[in-house]
Amino acid sequence: MDTISIIQIIISVVLIALILLQERSSGLGGLFGGGGGGGYYQTRRGLEKIVFGATVFFAVAFAAIALVHLVL
């Protein structure tokens, strides 16, 4: 394996973990798209905001590395 593939695997595992950490609605139904949240909007604060920002960062990094891997 080359270095780009290893970096891409590490970023993908971190990205999966960050996505699973995000809590959109309460209960088990939230994992499958349902949930009893009532559809209200809530501002992200504290750790939730950091996790969201890190998820966006790692998603962009994953896409950029995938494009680099495609070109090389």
C-alpha atoms as a PDB file:
ATOM      1  CA  MET A   1       0.000   0.000   0.000  1.00  0.00           C
ATOM      2  CA  ASP A   2       1.154   3.447  -0.704  1.00  0.00           C
ATOM      3  CA  THR A   3       1.040   6.374   1.692  1.00  0.00           C
ATOM      4  CA  ILE A   4      -1.990   8.058   0.130  1.00  0.00           C
ATOM      5  CA  SER A   5      -4.105   4.928   0.585  1.00  0.00           C
ATOM      6  CA  ILE A   6      -3.129   4.617   4.245  1.00  0.00           C
ATOM      7  CA  ILE A   7      -3.947   8.292   4.886  1.00  0.00           C
ATOM      8  CA  GLN A   8      -7.290   7.860   3.119  1.00  0.00           C
ATOM      9  CA  ILE A   9      -8.166   4.822   5.262  1.00  0.00           C
ATOM     10  CA  ILE A  10      -7.291   6.691   8.471  1.00  0.00           C
ATOM     11  CA  ILE A  11      -9.346   9.730   7.443  1.00  0.00           C
ATOM     12  CA  SER A  12     -12.300   7.526   6.496  1.00  0.00           C
ATOM     13  CA  VAL A  13     -12.295   5.808   9.910  1.00  0.00           C
ATOM     14  CA  VAL A  14     -12.129   9.183  11.693  1.00  0.00           C
ATOM     15  CA  LEU A  15     -14.920  10.519   9.473  1.00  0.00           C
ATOM     16  CA  ILE A  16     -17.154   7.534  10.242  1.00  0.00           C
ATOM     17  CA  ALA A  17     -16.559   8.004  13.974  1.00  0.00           C
ATOM     18  CA  LEU A  18     -17.359  11.718  13.784  1.00  0.00           C
ATOM     19  CA  ILE A  19     -20.568  11.087  11.842  1.00  0.00           C
ATOM     20  CA  LEU A  20     -21.681   8.514  14.379  1.00  0.00           C
ATOM     21  CA  LEU A  21     -20.962  10.958  17.228  1.00  0.00           C
ATOM     22  CA  GLN A  22     -23.352  13.540  15.848  1.00  0.00           C
ATOM     23  CA  GLU A  23     -26.716  13.398  17.511  1.00  0.00           C
ATOM     24  CA  ARG A  24     -29.524  14.730  15.345  1.00  0.00           C
ATOM     25  CA  SER A  25     -32.453  13.372  17.318  1.00  0.00           C
ATOM     26  CA  SER A  26     -32.881  11.440  20.505  1.00  0.00           C
ATOM     27  CA  GLY A  27     -33.486   7.737  20.820  1.00  0.00           C
ATOM     28  CA  LEU A  28     -32.831   4.743  18.615  1.00  0.00           C
ATOM     29  CA  GLY A  29     -35.172   6.050  15.937  1.00  0.00           C
ATOM     30  CA  GLY A  30     -32.687   8.832  15.200  1.00  0.00           C
ATOM     31  CA  LEU A  31     -30.172   6.300  13.945  1.00  0.00           C
ATOM     32  CA  PHE A  32     -32.574   5.165  11.233  1.00  0.00           C
ATOM     33  CA  GLY A  33     -33.882   8.531  10.107  1.00  0.00           C
ATOM     34  CA  GLY A  34     -36.904   8.734  12.405  1.00  0.00           C
ATOM     35  CA  GLY A  35     -36.999  10.287  15.788  1.00  0.00           C
ATOM     36  CA  GLY A  36     -39.231  12.275  18.001  1.00  0.00           C
ATOM     37  CA  GLY A  37     -37.379  15.555  17.783  1.00  0.00           C
ATOM     38  CA  GLY A  38     -40.419  17.420  16.545  1.00  0.00           C
ATOM     39  CA  GLY A  39     -38.487  19.021  13.688  1.00  0.00           C
ATOM     40  CA  TYR A  40     -37.254  22.051  15.602  1.00  0.00           C
ATOM     41  CA  TYR A  41     -33.994  23.838  14.828  1.00  0.00           C
ATOM     42  CA  GLN A  42     -31.322  24.031  17.492  1.00  0.00           C
ATOM     43  CA  THR A  43     -28.071  26.001  17.376  1.00  0.00           C
ATOM     44  CA  ARG A  44     -24.906  23.948  17.699  1.00  0.00           C
ATOM     45  CA  ARG A  45     -22.878  24.835  20.776  1.00  0.00           C
ATOM     46  CA  GLY A  46     -19.769  23.617  22.526  1.00  0.00           C
ATOM     47  CA  LEU A  47     -18.610  20.105  21.708  1.00  0.00           C
ATOM     48  CA  GLU A  48     -21.373  19.604  19.146  1.00  0.00           C
ATOM     49  CA  LYS A  49     -20.049  22.576  17.161  1.00  0.00           C
ATOM     50  CA  ILE A  50     -16.484  21.225  17.310  1.00  0.00           C
ATOM     51  CA  VAL A  51     -17.594  17.768  16.147  1.00  0.00           C
ATOM     52  CA  PHE A  52     -19.575  19.314  13.269  1.00  0.00           C
ATOM     53  CA  GLY A  53     -16.610  21.445  12.171  1.00  0.00           C
ATOM     54  CA  ALA A  54     -14.251  18.481  12.370  1.00  0.00           C
ATOM     55  CA  THR A  55     -16.684  16.389  10.312  1.00  0.00           C
ATOM     56  CA  VAL A  56     -16.765  19.022   7.578  1.00  0.00           C
ATOM     57  CA  PHE A  57     -12.969  19.322   7.646  1.00  0.00           C
ATOM     58  CA  PHE A  58     -12.382  15.568   7.381  1.00  0.00           C
ATOM     59  CA  ALA A  59     -15.022  15.214   4.642  1.00  0.00           C
ATOM     60  CA  VAL A  60     -13.268  17.864   2.545  1.00  0.00           C
ATOM     61  CA  ALA A  61      -9.869  16.300   3.289  1.00  0.00           C
ATOM     62  CA  PHE A  62     -11.192  12.866   2.274  1.00  0.00           C
ATOM     63  CA  ALA A  63     -12.539  14.236  -1.014  1.00  0.00           C
ATOM     64  CA  ALA A  64      -9.293  16.090  -1.749  1.00  0.00           C
ATOM     65  CA  ILE A  65      -7.153  13.040  -1.057  1.00  0.00           C
ATOM     66  CA  ALA A  66      -9.467  10.895  -3.199  1.00  0.00           C
ATOM     67  CA  LEU A  67      -8.957  13.335  -6.086  1.00  0.00           C
ATOM     68  CA  VAL A  68      -5.184  13.316  -5.567  1.00  0.00           C
ATOM     69  CA  HIS A  69      -5.225   9.529  -5.501  1.00  0.00           C
ATOM     70  CA  LEU A  70      -7.244   9.504  -8.735  1.00  0.00           C
ATOM     71  CA  VAL A  71      -4.786  11.817 -10.508  1.00  0.00           C
ATOM     72  CA  LEU A  72      -1.699   9.959  -9.322  1.00  0.00           C
END
